[in-house]
């Protein structure tokens, strides 16, 4: 799951399509002035990035937040949830939703002082799409003509003995540099939502320096084009960033330094927050929610937000024990989501009832029939699936507040279905994600999705289409793939959403994952912060900070 960015300027587009964005709240601090913002510094909580910091290879929020702060893309998503706006793009124009002419601003720079040019976008996208480079987000470039020529299909999947054939080409035919400030994008089919996607970090530019070294080496000392630049990264301790003084767009940093402190337990971060030794925590631990303890502890420093994020339990469908959709549906129907949100989160979450978060444009509330509690139907389906032998272990990362609700899910499955179920924690998020990406999970596991861009497409293609960037359980259904392809290539937003709704009906029968709750975010700030805003997905907008 990933995050989005800031807002700047107005977007210029052709008349053939309209841009949409999700509605979401942002938080703010009190108005007492306690310090000088200009040279100030803050410490915020974070998690160890899963991979070196390369936009096209970052799919989780630990590294995603850093990437989003260090880079600025063509389009940005306003904090208030209004329509996407141009950032580095001067204009994005099309007459047919298939061929787009993109002009970029001429006064922006990378952190190494080189100027951002059209070829930096084209080169970055070609690198991300080229299969042998192994970029996790490569599927996001599938809209572009020529993607299939640079990203060949592995005939027996990532775990099979056969390897994907060598791609026919190294660059996509649909990308063309016109001049230093202009490039043309030709899609495989008309895609009205394409401009909306361009704020997602996969589409960020890369400096020429990226191509003179290994991707891993670059990712350990990344060079972006955003309002902060990289200083240092001490594994599992901290990542340090500082203001990029040559940043030319509107959302400049008001303070100077940001330290992302990497905690192994969210309760330790919360203790530091309460004592004003941490300046921001995005989500307080579940233990602080009981009786609104976090509001008592923090007072005016408490920050609330409603965000387009869903807590999910995913299935490792590559494990033969979990390949029967009747079994997966039975387990989902045995989970009492209302009880979990009431008793574990004290009403600070909402029971999930749809496959896409309802804050997302194109989402249809209530379309997850597998989310409805129905123990009798669950028992019937389990019997039809032949039961389940052995232990069903529900896995979660233990460095955040997931123990209580995952244990509650396991107990409900045990009580309602008679399956020998339990929950087990993996010490850190980094190790947890390594196991997921390595397809080593031996049972259903905690997942989640925070939208990358405001459209229902983002809740289907990456998660449930064969080869999707975050289809970690290796779910595959040709019907879903075909419908999603039609939806992505639809000539209008409305037609796209209608076709995705058809795909969701099939996903709902297959239950490749289990939506559990919709996120309501409870954050906190220190007394040091005079003002802050959250992005439309609940991340801290570090450019808004005043001390």
Protein backbone atom coordinates (compact mmCIF):
# COMPACT_ATOMS: atom_id res chain seq x y z
CA UNK A 1 0.00 0.00 0.00
CA UNK A 2 1.20 3.46 -0.80
CA UNK A 3 0.78 7.13 -0.16
CA UNK A 4 0.13 10.33 -2.12
CA UNK A 5 1.46 13.86 -2.20
CA UNK A 6 0.81 17.55 -1.96
CA UNK A 7 -1.04 20.08 -4.09
CA UNK A 8 0.31 22.86 -6.28
CA UNK A 9 -1.05 24.88 -9.18
CA UNK A 10 -3.95 24.10 -11.50
CA UNK A 11 -4.02 21.20 -13.92
CA UNK A 12 -4.41 21.94 -17.63
CA UNK A 13 -6.02 19.10 -19.56
CA UNK A 14 -7.90 18.40 -22.75
CA UNK A 15 -11.69 18.34 -22.83
CA UNK A 16 -11.89 14.60 -23.37
CA UNK A 17 -11.71 13.69 -19.70
CA UNK A 18 -12.26 14.95 -16.17
CA UNK A 19 -10.08 14.47 -13.10
CA UNK A 20 -11.49 13.34 -9.78
CA UNK A 21 -10.17 13.03 -6.23
CA UNK A 22 -11.29 11.52 -2.96
CA UNK A 23 -12.74 13.56 -0.15
CA UNK A 24 -10.77 13.39 3.08
CA UNK A 25 -10.01 15.49 6.13
CA UNK A 26 -6.77 16.98 7.33
CA UNK A 27 -5.66 17.82 10.83
CA UNK A 28 -4.08 20.90 12.32
CA UNK A 29 -2.34 21.83 15.51
CA UNK A 30 -2.94 24.66 17.93
CA UNK A 31 -1.91 28.21 17.20
CA UNK A 32 0.58 28.81 20.02
CA UNK A 33 3.95 29.79 18.64
CA UNK A 34 6.71 27.92 20.41
CA UNK A 35 9.71 28.26 18.13
CA UNK A 36 11.30 29.51 14.94
CA UNK A 37 10.05 27.46 11.99
CA UNK A 38 12.70 28.63 9.55
CA UNK A 39 15.58 26.62 11.01
CA UNK A 40 13.59 24.16 13.08
CA UNK A 41 13.77 20.37 13.18
CA UNK A 42 11.25 17.64 13.92
CA UNK A 43 11.37 13.94 14.75
CA UNK A 44 8.55 11.72 13.50
CA UNK A 45 7.90 8.00 13.73
CA UNK A 46 8.33 5.61 10.81
CA UNK A 47 9.16 2.06 9.77
CA UNK A 48 12.21 0.57 8.08
CA UNK A 49 11.79 0.69 4.28
CA UNK A 50 11.48 -2.72 2.70
CA UNK A 51 13.73 -1.86 -0.28
CA UNK A 52 16.25 0.76 -1.38
CA UNK A 53 14.42 4.03 -2.02
CA UNK A 54 13.50 3.89 -5.72
CA UNK A 55 10.01 5.10 -6.67
CA UNK A 56 9.16 2.21 -9.00
CA UNK A 57 10.29 -0.36 -6.43
CA UNK A 58 8.55 1.01 -3.34
CA UNK A 59 5.15 -0.47 -2.53
CA UNK A 60 4.84 -0.06 1.25
CA UNK A 61 4.28 2.96 3.47
CA UNK A 62 7.59 2.92 5.36
CA UNK A 63 9.63 3.66 2.26
CA UNK A 64 6.66 5.23 0.51
CA UNK A 65 6.50 8.21 2.85
CA UNK A 66 10.19 8.96 2.31
CA UNK A 67 9.85 8.65 -1.47
CA UNK A 68 6.82 10.94 -1.50
CA UNK A 69 8.65 13.60 0.49
CA UNK A 70 11.82 13.37 -1.58
CA UNK A 71 10.12 13.43 -5.00
CA UNK A 72 7.53 15.59 -6.73
CA UNK A 73 5.65 14.22 -9.71
CA UNK A 74 3.71 15.56 -12.65
CA UNK A 75 0.48 15.66 -10.62
CA UNK A 76 -0.25 16.10 -6.92
CA UNK A 77 -3.29 15.28 -4.80
CA UNK A 78 -4.57 18.15 -2.62
CA UNK A 79 -4.76 17.57 1.10
CA UNK A 80 -8.44 18.53 1.14
CA UNK A 81 -9.39 15.83 -1.36
CA UNK A 82 -10.19 18.18 -4.22
CA UNK A 83 -9.29 17.43 -7.86
CA UNK A 84 -5.68 16.53 -8.75
CA UNK A 85 -3.54 19.46 -9.82
CA UNK A 86 -0.34 19.93 -11.76
CA UNK A 87 2.98 19.92 -9.95
CA UNK A 88 5.99 19.47 -12.24
CA UNK A 89 3.61 19.31 -15.20
CA UNK A 90 2.85 22.58 -16.94
CA UNK A 91 0.06 20.93 -18.91
CA UNK A 92 -1.35 17.50 -19.75
CA UNK A 93 -3.36 17.54 -22.97
CA UNK A 94 -5.23 14.97 -25.02
CA UNK A 95 -7.93 14.86 -27.67
CA UNK A 96 -8.78 11.17 -27.45
CA UNK A 97 -7.63 9.90 -24.00
CA UNK A 98 -5.06 7.77 -25.83
CA UNK A 99 -2.30 10.15 -26.87
CA UNK A 100 -1.19 12.60 -24.18
CA UNK A 101 1.17 15.52 -24.64
CA UNK A 102 2.87 16.43 -21.36
CA UNK A 103 4.78 19.66 -20.90
CA UNK A 104 6.85 20.17 -17.74
CA UNK A 105 7.92 23.31 -15.89
CA UNK A 106 11.40 24.52 -16.76
CA UNK A 107 12.58 25.69 -13.35
CA UNK A 108 12.78 22.49 -11.32
CA UNK A 109 15.91 20.63 -10.22
CA UNK A 110 17.05 17.35 -8.78
CA UNK A 111 18.89 17.38 -5.46
CA UNK A 112 22.24 17.01 -7.28
CA UNK A 113 21.59 20.33 -9.05
CA UNK A 114 20.75 18.89 -12.47
CA UNK A 115 17.62 20.16 -14.21
CA UNK A 116 14.53 17.95 -14.45
CA UNK A 117 13.82 17.33 -18.14
CA UNK A 118 11.29 15.35 -20.13
CA UNK A 119 13.74 12.53 -20.72
CA UNK A 120 14.09 12.03 -16.94
CA UNK A 121 10.46 10.95 -16.86
CA UNK A 122 10.70 8.83 -20.01
CA UNK A 123 13.92 7.12 -18.89
CA UNK A 124 12.50 6.45 -15.41
CA UNK A 125 9.28 4.94 -16.78
CA UNK A 126 11.17 2.74 -19.23
CA UNK A 127 13.44 1.50 -16.44
CA UNK A 128 10.47 0.75 -14.20
CA UNK A 129 8.62 -1.12 -16.93
CA UNK A 130 11.57 -3.22 -18.14
CA UNK A 131 10.98 -6.69 -16.69
CA UNK A 132 14.60 -7.72 -15.93
CA UNK A 133 14.98 -4.68 -13.64
CA UNK A 134 12.49 -6.29 -11.25
CA UNK A 135 10.66 -3.10 -10.24
CA UNK A 136 7.74 -4.10 -8.03
CA UNK A 137 5.53 -1.38 -9.49
CA UNK A 138 6.18 -2.27 -13.13
CA UNK A 139 2.54 -3.19 -13.75
CA UNK A 140 1.53 0.46 -13.33
CA UNK A 141 3.06 1.14 -16.74
CA UNK A 142 0.87 -1.47 -18.44
CA UNK A 143 -1.40 1.24 -19.91
CA UNK A 144 1.43 2.46 -22.14
CA UNK A 145 1.81 1.11 -25.67
CA UNK A 146 4.74 -1.29 -25.93
CA UNK A 147 4.65 -2.41 -22.29
CA UNK A 148 4.23 -6.06 -23.31
CA UNK A 149 7.42 -5.82 -25.39
CA UNK A 150 9.52 -4.75 -22.38
CA UNK A 151 7.80 -6.82 -19.69
CA UNK A 152 7.46 -10.45 -20.80
CA UNK A 153 5.24 -12.89 -18.91
CA UNK A 154 6.77 -15.62 -16.75
CA UNK A 155 5.18 -18.84 -18.11
CA UNK A 156 4.95 -20.61 -14.75
CA UNK A 157 4.88 -17.69 -12.31
CA UNK A 158 7.62 -16.24 -10.09
CA UNK A 159 8.11 -19.47 -8.14
CA UNK A 160 8.25 -21.81 -11.13
CA UNK A 161 11.45 -23.25 -12.62
CA UNK A 162 11.02 -21.48 -15.95
CA UNK A 163 12.13 -17.89 -16.41
CA UNK A 164 10.37 -15.15 -18.31
CA UNK A 165 11.72 -14.85 -21.85
CA UNK A 166 14.00 -11.95 -22.70
CA UNK A 167 11.82 -8.92 -23.55
CA UNK A 168 11.56 -7.95 -27.21
CA UNK A 169 12.54 -4.36 -26.47
CA UNK A 170 14.16 -2.24 -23.77
CA UNK A 171 11.94 0.82 -24.16
CA UNK A 172 8.20 1.26 -24.64
CA UNK A 173 7.04 2.38 -28.07
CA UNK A 174 4.43 4.61 -26.44
CA UNK A 175 6.98 7.04 -24.96
CA UNK A 176 8.56 9.77 -27.07
CA UNK A 177 10.67 12.77 -26.04
CA UNK A 178 9.63 15.81 -28.10
CA UNK A 179 12.07 18.33 -26.59
CA UNK A 180 13.67 19.08 -23.22
CA UNK A 181 10.33 20.06 -21.72
CA UNK A 182 7.81 17.96 -23.64
CA UNK A 183 7.11 14.27 -24.06
CA UNK A 184 4.32 12.27 -25.63
CA UNK A 185 2.61 9.23 -24.13
CA UNK A 186 0.62 6.88 -26.35
CA UNK A 187 -1.49 4.35 -24.49
CA UNK A 188 -2.49 0.91 -25.72
CA UNK A 189 -6.14 1.99 -25.46
CA UNK A 190 -8.01 5.17 -24.48
CA UNK A 191 -7.73 5.53 -20.70
CA UNK A 192 -9.51 8.46 -19.15
CA UNK A 193 -8.10 7.92 -15.65
CA UNK A 194 -4.46 8.00 -16.80
CA UNK A 195 -3.74 11.63 -15.76
CA UNK A 196 -5.12 10.91 -12.28
CA UNK A 197 -2.51 8.19 -11.81
CA UNK A 198 0.43 10.47 -12.52
CA UNK A 199 0.74 11.69 -8.93
CA UNK A 200 1.65 8.19 -7.75
CA UNK A 201 5.34 7.85 -7.01
CA UNK A 202 5.93 5.14 -9.61
CA UNK A 203 5.70 7.90 -12.21
CA UNK A 204 8.39 10.11 -10.62
CA UNK A 205 11.46 11.20 -12.65
CA UNK A 206 14.96 9.84 -12.08
CA UNK A 207 18.16 11.89 -12.48
CA UNK A 208 20.84 10.96 -14.97
CA UNK A 209 22.97 9.82 -12.01
CA UNK A 210 20.60 6.92 -11.42
CA UNK A 211 21.69 5.30 -14.67
CA UNK A 212 25.43 5.51 -13.86
CA UNK A 213 25.26 3.13 -10.88
CA UNK A 214 23.35 0.13 -9.60
CA UNK A 215 19.76 0.69 -8.57
CA UNK A 216 20.51 -0.62 -5.09
CA UNK A 217 23.41 1.81 -4.60
CA UNK A 218 21.25 4.72 -5.74
CA UNK A 219 18.40 3.64 -3.46
CA UNK A 220 20.64 3.77 -0.41
CA UNK A 221 21.58 7.39 -1.19
CA UNK A 222 18.64 8.55 -3.33
CA UNK A 223 18.44 11.77 -5.32
CA UNK A 224 14.94 13.15 -5.78
CA UNK A 225 13.39 16.41 -6.93
CA UNK A 226 11.10 17.14 -3.98
CA UNK A 227 11.11 19.65 -1.11
CA UNK A 228 13.51 17.59 1.05
CA UNK A 229 16.74 15.85 0.17
CA UNK A 230 18.41 12.77 1.62
CA UNK A 231 21.04 13.06 4.37
CA UNK A 232 21.55 9.61 5.88
CA UNK A 233 19.99 6.22 6.58
CA UNK A 234 20.98 4.09 9.57
CA UNK A 235 19.16 0.79 9.22
CA UNK A 236 16.42 0.23 11.80
CA UNK A 237 17.40 3.45 13.59
CA UNK A 238 16.63 6.60 11.58
CA UNK A 239 16.46 8.27 8.18
CA UNK A 240 17.47 11.93 8.08
CA UNK A 241 16.23 14.48 5.55
CA UNK A 242 16.83 18.20 5.14
CA UNK A 243 15.25 21.07 3.22
CA UNK A 244 16.17 21.37 -0.46
CA UNK A 245 16.78 25.09 -0.75
CA UNK A 246 16.65 25.10 -4.57
CA UNK A 247 13.14 23.65 -4.66
CA UNK A 248 11.15 25.89 -7.02
CA UNK A 249 7.50 24.84 -6.57
CA UNK A 250 4.95 26.28 -4.19
CA UNK A 251 5.10 23.66 -1.45
CA UNK A 252 8.49 24.59 -0.02
CA UNK A 253 9.59 23.46 3.43
CA UNK A 254 9.03 25.92 6.27
CA UNK A 255 11.38 24.05 8.60
CA UNK A 256 14.82 22.64 7.87
CA UNK A 257 15.39 19.12 9.19
CA UNK A 258 13.27 15.98 9.52
CA UNK A 259 14.37 12.80 11.29
CA UNK A 260 12.27 9.71 10.71
CA UNK A 261 12.88 7.59 13.81
CA UNK A 262 12.31 3.89 13.24
CA UNK A 263 10.57 2.25 16.18
CA UNK A 264 10.26 -1.49 16.82
CA UNK A 265 7.08 -0.97 18.88
CA UNK A 266 4.38 1.66 18.40
CA UNK A 267 3.86 1.83 22.17
CA UNK A 268 7.42 3.11 22.58
CA UNK A 269 6.75 5.78 19.96
CA UNK A 270 3.55 6.74 21.76
CA UNK A 271 5.38 7.14 25.08
CA UNK A 272 7.80 9.51 23.37
CA UNK A 273 4.87 11.38 21.82
CA UNK A 274 3.09 11.85 25.15
CA UNK A 275 6.29 13.16 26.73
CA UNK A 276 6.94 15.51 23.78
CA UNK A 277 10.07 13.61 22.72
CA UNK A 278 8.43 12.72 19.39
CA UNK A 279 6.86 15.41 17.23
CA UNK A 280 4.37 13.29 15.26
CA UNK A 281 2.93 9.77 15.33
CA UNK A 282 0.62 8.88 12.47
CA UNK A 283 -1.39 6.20 14.30
CA UNK A 284 -1.48 5.89 18.08
CA UNK A 285 -1.50 2.28 19.37
CA UNK A 286 -4.77 0.41 19.88
CA UNK A 287 -4.13 0.32 23.63
CA UNK A 288 -4.49 4.11 23.72
CA UNK A 289 -7.96 4.05 22.12
CA UNK A 290 -9.83 2.52 25.07
CA UNK A 291 -11.96 5.17 26.73
CA UNK A 292 -10.38 7.75 24.40
CA UNK A 293 -7.23 7.61 26.52
CA UNK A 294 -5.23 9.13 23.65
CA UNK A 295 -7.37 12.26 23.78
CA UNK A 296 -6.83 12.55 27.52
CA UNK A 297 -3.09 11.98 27.13
CA UNK A 298 -2.65 14.42 24.27
CA UNK A 299 -5.39 17.00 24.74
CA UNK A 300 -5.11 19.64 22.01
CA UNK A 301 -2.27 17.65 20.48
CA UNK A 302 -4.69 14.92 19.29
CA UNK A 303 -5.36 14.86 15.53
CA UNK A 304 -8.18 12.89 13.86
CA UNK A 305 -8.69 12.04 10.19
CA UNK A 306 -10.87 9.86 7.98
CA UNK A 307 -8.73 8.29 5.27
CA UNK A 308 -9.19 5.99 2.24
CA UNK A 309 -7.48 3.01 3.83
CA UNK A 310 -8.74 -0.50 4.60
CA UNK A 311 -7.44 -3.16 6.98
CA UNK A 312 -7.30 -6.49 5.17
CA UNK A 313 -6.35 -10.12 5.76
CA UNK A 314 -4.84 -11.66 2.62
CA UNK A 315 -4.61 -15.29 1.52
CA UNK A 316 -1.41 -16.99 0.28
CA UNK A 317 -3.18 -18.66 -2.63
CA UNK A 318 0.13 -20.16 -3.76
CA UNK A 319 -0.32 -22.54 -0.79
CA UNK A 320 -2.52 -25.45 -1.95
CA UNK A 321 -4.34 -25.52 1.42
CA UNK A 322 -5.94 -22.15 0.65
CA UNK A 323 -6.81 -22.54 -3.04
CA UNK A 324 -10.46 -23.49 -2.56
CA UNK A 325 -12.58 -20.32 -2.78
CA UNK A 326 -15.30 -21.95 -0.65
CA UNK A 327 -12.82 -22.30 2.21
CA UNK A 328 -11.75 -18.66 1.87
CA UNK A 329 -15.34 -17.46 1.75
CA UNK A 330 -16.26 -19.61 4.75
CA UNK A 331 -13.53 -18.04 6.87
CA UNK A 332 -14.54 -14.54 5.80
CA UNK A 333 -18.21 -15.15 6.64
CA UNK A 334 -17.19 -16.41 10.09
CA UNK A 335 -15.57 -13.09 11.07
CA UNK A 336 -17.64 -10.65 13.11
CA UNK A 337 -16.26 -7.33 11.88
CA UNK A 338 -18.62 -5.23 13.98
CA UNK A 339 -17.45 -6.94 17.16
CA UNK A 340 -13.82 -6.35 16.26
CA UNK A 341 -14.31 -2.65 15.56
CA UNK A 342 -16.36 -2.23 18.74
CA UNK A 343 -14.32 -4.27 21.21
CA UNK A 344 -10.78 -3.98 19.86
CA UNK A 345 -10.84 -0.50 18.34
CA UNK A 346 -13.57 0.96 20.60
CA UNK A 347 -15.51 2.32 17.64
CA UNK A 348 -12.46 4.00 16.09
CA UNK A 349 -12.73 1.82 12.97
CA UNK A 350 -15.73 0.93 10.79
CA UNK A 351 -16.58 -2.64 9.69
CA UNK A 352 -15.60 -3.12 6.04
CA UNK A 353 -18.49 -3.90 3.69
CA UNK A 354 -16.94 -3.17 0.28
CA UNK A 355 -13.87 -4.15 -1.72
CA UNK A 356 -12.78 -0.57 -2.32
CA UNK A 357 -12.79 2.02 0.43
CA UNK A 358 -16.02 4.06 0.12
CA UNK A 359 -14.06 7.34 0.06
CA UNK A 360 -12.66 6.35 -3.34
CA UNK A 361 -14.32 7.59 -6.56
CA UNK A 362 -16.00 4.65 -8.26
CA UNK A 363 -16.29 2.54 -5.11
CA UNK A 364 -19.65 0.88 -4.45
CA UNK A 365 -20.60 0.55 -0.76
CA UNK A 366 -21.83 -2.85 0.36
CA UNK A 367 -20.49 -4.91 -2.55
CA UNK A 368 -18.51 -7.28 -0.32
CA UNK A 369 -21.04 -10.03 0.40
CA UNK A 370 -18.14 -12.07 1.78
CA UNK A 371 -17.83 -9.44 4.52
CA UNK A 372 -21.26 -10.26 5.99
CA UNK A 373 -21.35 -12.36 9.16
CA UNK A 374 -23.16 -15.63 8.37
CA UNK A 375 -21.94 -18.50 10.51
CA UNK A 376 -24.40 -21.08 9.17
CA UNK A 377 -23.46 -20.36 5.56
CA UNK A 378 -19.79 -20.42 6.60
CA UNK A 379 -20.16 -23.90 8.11
CA UNK A 380 -21.93 -25.13 4.98
CA UNK A 381 -19.20 -23.80 2.69
CA UNK A 382 -16.46 -25.24 4.90
CA UNK A 383 -18.07 -28.67 4.65
CA UNK A 384 -18.37 -28.34 0.86
CA UNK A 385 -14.67 -27.42 0.75
CA UNK A 386 -13.83 -30.64 2.60
CA UNK A 387 -13.03 -28.92 5.87
CA UNK A 388 -9.58 -27.78 6.91
CA UNK A 389 -6.94 -30.05 8.36
CA UNK A 390 -4.22 -28.90 10.72
CA UNK A 391 -3.52 -25.46 12.14
CA UNK A 392 -4.55 -22.19 10.46
CA UNK A 393 -2.10 -19.51 11.59
CA UNK A 394 -2.96 -15.83 11.06
CA UNK A 395 0.25 -13.79 10.76
CA UNK A 396 0.85 -10.10 11.54
CA UNK A 397 3.79 -7.76 12.10
CA UNK A 398 4.33 -7.35 15.83
CA UNK A 399 5.90 -3.88 15.74
CA UNK A 400 2.48 -2.20 15.43
CA UNK A 401 -0.92 -2.67 17.08
CA UNK A 402 -2.20 -5.72 15.24
CA UNK A 403 -1.93 -8.42 17.91
CA UNK A 404 -5.30 -7.80 19.54
CA UNK A 405 -7.47 -7.72 16.42
CA UNK A 406 -5.66 -10.55 14.66
CA UNK A 407 -6.05 -12.72 17.74
CA UNK A 408 -9.74 -11.81 17.83
CA UNK A 409 -10.13 -12.89 14.18
CA UNK A 410 -8.38 -16.19 14.84
CA UNK A 411 -10.55 -16.86 17.88
CA UNK A 412 -13.74 -16.14 15.92
CA UNK A 413 -12.69 -18.56 13.20
CA UNK A 414 -11.88 -21.18 15.84
CA UNK A 415 -15.18 -20.68 17.67
CA UNK A 416 -17.47 -20.36 14.65
CA UNK A 417 -15.90 -22.98 12.37
CA UNK A 418 -14.05 -25.31 14.71
CA UNK A 419 -10.78 -24.73 12.84
CA UNK A 420 -7.63 -24.91 14.96
CA UNK A 421 -6.75 -21.25 14.42
CA UNK A 422 -4.34 -18.92 16.18
CA UNK A 423 -2.45 -15.66 15.49
CA UNK A 424 1.31 -15.29 15.41
CA UNK A 425 3.43 -12.13 15.23
CA UNK A 426 6.47 -11.56 13.01
CA UNK A 427 8.89 -9.25 14.89
CA UNK A 428 9.26 -6.44 12.35
CA UNK A 429 7.38 -5.04 9.37
CA UNK A 430 10.51 -5.33 7.21
CA UNK A 431 10.88 -9.08 7.84
CA UNK A 432 7.12 -9.52 7.49
CA UNK A 433 7.15 -7.89 4.06
CA UNK A 434 10.18 -9.92 2.98
CA UNK A 435 8.25 -13.10 3.75
CA UNK A 436 5.23 -11.82 1.83
CA UNK A 437 7.23 -10.83 -1.24
CA UNK A 438 9.13 -14.10 -1.09
CA UNK A 439 5.80 -15.99 -1.12
CA UNK A 440 6.76 -17.69 2.13
CA UNK A 441 3.60 -17.03 4.14
CA UNK A 442 2.13 -20.23 5.58
CA UNK A 443 -1.26 -18.83 6.48
CA UNK A 444 -3.55 -15.82 6.05
CA UNK A 445 -1.78 -12.61 6.96
CA UNK A 446 -2.47 -9.00 7.88
CA UNK A 447 -2.42 -6.67 4.94
CA UNK A 448 -3.91 -3.30 4.14
CA UNK A 449 -4.37 -0.90 1.29
CA UNK A 450 -4.01 2.85 1.28
CA UNK A 451 -4.89 4.21 -2.12
CA UNK A 452 -2.12 5.44 -4.39
CA UNK A 453 -4.40 7.59 -6.53
CA UNK A 454 -8.10 8.46 -6.19
CA UNK A 455 -9.89 5.96 -8.40
CA UNK A 456 -11.41 2.51 -7.86
CA UNK A 457 -8.95 1.14 -10.43
CA UNK A 458 -6.27 1.41 -7.76
CA UNK A 459 -8.20 -1.05 -5.56
CA UNK A 460 -8.44 -3.68 -8.32
CA UNK A 461 -5.49 -3.74 -10.72
CA UNK A 462 -2.56 -3.81 -8.25
CA UNK A 463 -4.30 -6.24 -5.87
CA UNK A 464 -6.34 -8.69 -7.92
CA UNK A 465 -5.16 -8.68 -11.54
CA UNK A 466 -2.68 -11.42 -12.45
CA UNK A 467 0.82 -10.01 -12.00
CA UNK A 468 -0.42 -6.88 -10.19
CA UNK A 469 2.26 -5.02 -8.24
CA UNK A 470 0.71 -5.90 -4.87
CA UNK A 471 -1.00 -9.16 -5.78
CA UNK A 472 1.16 -10.84 -3.16
CA UNK A 473 -1.00 -13.94 -2.74
CA UNK A 474 -0.75 -14.71 -6.50
CA UNK A 475 -4.51 -14.72 -7.07
CA UNK A 476 -5.41 -15.19 -10.72
CA UNK A 477 -8.76 -15.28 -12.51
CA UNK A 478 -8.95 -14.75 -16.31
CA UNK A 479 -12.44 -13.26 -16.00
CA UNK A 480 -11.23 -10.62 -13.56
CA UNK A 481 -8.21 -9.90 -15.75
CA UNK A 482 -10.38 -9.41 -18.84
CA UNK A 483 -12.92 -7.18 -17.11
CA UNK A 484 -10.20 -5.09 -15.46
CA UNK A 485 -8.48 -4.64 -18.82
CA UNK A 486 -11.73 -3.44 -20.36
CA UNK A 487 -12.28 -1.12 -17.40
CA UNK A 488 -8.81 0.40 -17.55
CA UNK A 489 -9.19 1.02 -21.29
CA UNK A 490 -12.69 2.47 -21.07
CA UNK A 491 -13.09 5.82 -22.86
CA UNK A 492 -14.80 7.50 -19.90
CA UNK A 493 -14.52 7.42 -16.12
CA UNK A 494 -18.15 6.30 -15.82
CA UNK A 495 -17.68 3.38 -18.22
CA UNK A 496 -14.51 2.38 -16.42
CA UNK A 497 -16.22 2.32 -13.03
CA UNK A 498 -19.12 0.25 -14.39
CA UNK A 499 -16.78 -2.39 -15.77
CA UNK A 500 -14.73 -2.52 -12.57
CA UNK A 501 -17.99 -3.17 -10.70
CA UNK A 502 -18.42 -6.30 -12.83
CA UNK A 503 -14.89 -7.43 -11.95
CA UNK A 504 -15.60 -6.92 -8.26
CA UNK A 505 -18.56 -9.32 -8.42
CA UNK A 506 -16.20 -12.10 -9.45
CA UNK A 507 -13.59 -11.08 -6.84
CA UNK A 508 -16.34 -11.21 -4.22
CA UNK A 509 -17.01 -14.86 -5.10
CA UNK A 510 -13.33 -15.82 -5.09
CA UNK A 511 -12.40 -13.98 -1.84
CA UNK A 512 -8.66 -13.59 -2.55
CA UNK A 513 -8.49 -11.43 0.58
CA UNK A 514 -10.80 -10.37 3.41
CA UNK A 515 -11.54 -6.66 4.00
CA UNK A 516 -11.97 -6.25 7.77
CA UNK A 517 -12.23 -2.55 8.68
CA UNK A 518 -12.17 0.95 7.23
CA UNK A 519 -9.51 3.13 8.79
CA UNK A 520 -10.23 6.11 11.00
CA UNK A 521 -6.89 7.64 11.91
CA UNK A 522 -5.87 8.88 15.36
CA UNK A 523 -2.60 10.81 15.24
CA UNK A 524 -0.72 13.02 17.67
CA UNK A 525 1.74 15.91 17.60
CA UNK A 526 4.09 17.54 20.09
CA UNK A 527 3.70 20.96 21.70
CA UNK A 528 6.54 22.08 19.46
CA UNK A 529 4.31 22.07 16.38
CA UNK A 530 2.20 25.16 15.83
CA UNK A 531 0.48 23.96 12.64
CA UNK A 532 0.31 20.84 10.51
CA UNK A 533 -1.76 19.30 7.74
CA UNK A 534 -2.29 15.69 6.76
CA UNK A 535 -2.36 14.53 3.16
CA UNK A 536 -5.57 13.13 1.75
CA UNK A 537 -4.43 9.65 2.84
CA UNK A 538 -3.43 10.65 6.37
CA UNK A 539 0.32 11.00 5.98
CA UNK A 540 2.05 14.02 7.49
CA UNK A 541 2.51 16.82 4.96
CA UNK A 542 5.96 17.89 6.12
CA UNK A 543 5.83 21.03 3.97
CA UNK A 544 2.93 22.32 6.08
CA UNK A 545 4.78 22.16 9.41
CA UNK A 546 5.19 25.38 11.38
CA UNK A 547 6.85 25.43 14.80
